[in-house]
Amino acid sequence: MDVGKHDPVGARGGSNAHVGLCFTCRHARRVPTTRATYWLCERAATDPRFEKYPRLPVLTCPGYEPGEPA
C-alpha cells in the first residue's frame, strides 16, 4: 500500500492510522521528543481508567471526544 496517498502524515506527529482515536481526540496531547513522538491522554490525570501514554493505535476508548487535540 502506498502510505503517502492513503494515510497522510499529519502535522501533529503521526498519521490517523498509526495514532488511532487520539489523533482527533480533544483529550490527547502530542509530546514530541528528539527520538519519538508520544501521545499523552490528559484524562489520565483525573481518571485512573486511562493510561497516561496509551499504546497506539487506540481503536476504542470510553473517554474519546472528537475535537482538536490539546
Protein backbone atom coordinates (compact mmCIF):
# COMPACT_ATOMS: atom_id res chain seq x y z
CA MET A 1 0.00 0.00 0.00
CA ASP A 2 1.24 3.50 -0.79
CA VAL A 3 1.19 5.06 2.67
CA GLY A 4 1.63 8.60 1.37
CA LYS A 5 -1.61 8.53 -0.63
CA HIS A 6 -3.89 6.56 1.69
CA ASP A 7 -2.54 7.50 5.07
CA PRO A 8 -1.26 11.08 5.03
CA VAL A 9 1.08 12.09 7.80
CA GLY A 10 -0.39 14.93 9.81
CA ALA A 11 1.37 17.96 11.15
CA ARG A 12 0.66 16.67 14.67
CA GLY A 13 3.22 13.87 14.52
CA GLY A 14 1.90 10.66 13.08
CA SER A 15 -0.92 9.60 10.89
CA ASN A 16 -4.52 8.87 11.71
CA ALA A 17 -3.99 5.13 11.18
CA HIS A 18 -0.84 5.00 13.33
CA VAL A 19 -2.28 7.03 16.21
CA GLY A 20 -5.94 6.00 16.08
CA LEU A 21 -8.60 7.89 18.01
CA CYS A 22 -6.04 10.06 19.82
CA PHE A 23 -5.35 11.85 16.53
CA THR A 24 -8.75 13.56 16.72
CA CYS A 25 -9.48 13.47 20.47
CA ARG A 26 -9.69 16.70 22.43
CA HIS A 27 -8.08 14.99 25.45
CA ALA A 28 -4.93 13.95 23.57
CA ARG A 29 -1.73 15.94 23.51
CA ARG A 30 1.19 15.34 21.18
CA VAL A 31 4.53 15.17 23.03
CA PRO A 32 7.48 15.36 20.64
CA THR A 33 10.96 14.34 21.79
CA THR A 34 14.23 14.09 19.91
CA ARG A 35 13.75 10.33 19.44
CA ALA A 36 9.99 9.87 19.04
CA THR A 37 6.57 11.47 19.32
CA TYR A 38 4.29 10.32 22.13
CA TRP A 39 0.59 10.94 22.64
CA LEU A 40 -0.46 11.84 26.18
CA CYS A 41 -4.00 11.24 27.40
CA GLU A 42 -4.96 14.17 29.61
CA ARG A 43 -7.85 12.16 31.08
CA ALA A 44 -5.27 10.00 32.87
CA ALA A 45 -4.59 12.90 35.26
CA THR A 46 -8.08 12.63 36.77
CA ASP A 47 -9.35 9.16 35.87
CA PRO A 48 -7.32 6.01 36.62
CA ARG A 49 -9.09 4.06 33.85
CA PHE A 50 -6.90 5.84 31.29
CA GLU A 51 -3.21 5.27 30.60
CA LYS A 52 -1.04 8.39 30.54
CA TYR A 53 0.68 7.23 27.34
CA PRO A 54 -1.63 4.66 25.71
CA ARG A 55 -0.34 2.05 23.33
CA LEU A 56 -1.01 3.15 19.76
CA PRO A 57 -3.12 2.89 17.74
CA VAL A 58 -6.03 3.46 20.10
CA LEU A 59 -9.00 1.83 18.36
CA THR A 60 -11.61 2.10 21.11
CA CYS A 61 -11.77 4.45 24.09
CA PRO A 62 -14.62 5.22 26.52
CA GLY A 63 -13.26 8.75 27.02
CA TYR A 64 -12.95 9.71 23.34
CA GLU A 65 -14.42 13.09 22.46
CA PRO A 66 -13.89 14.42 18.96
CA GLY A 67 -12.14 17.73 18.63
CA GLU A 68 -8.68 19.20 18.25
CA PRO A 69 -6.02 17.60 20.44
CA ALA A 70 -4.88 19.85 23.30
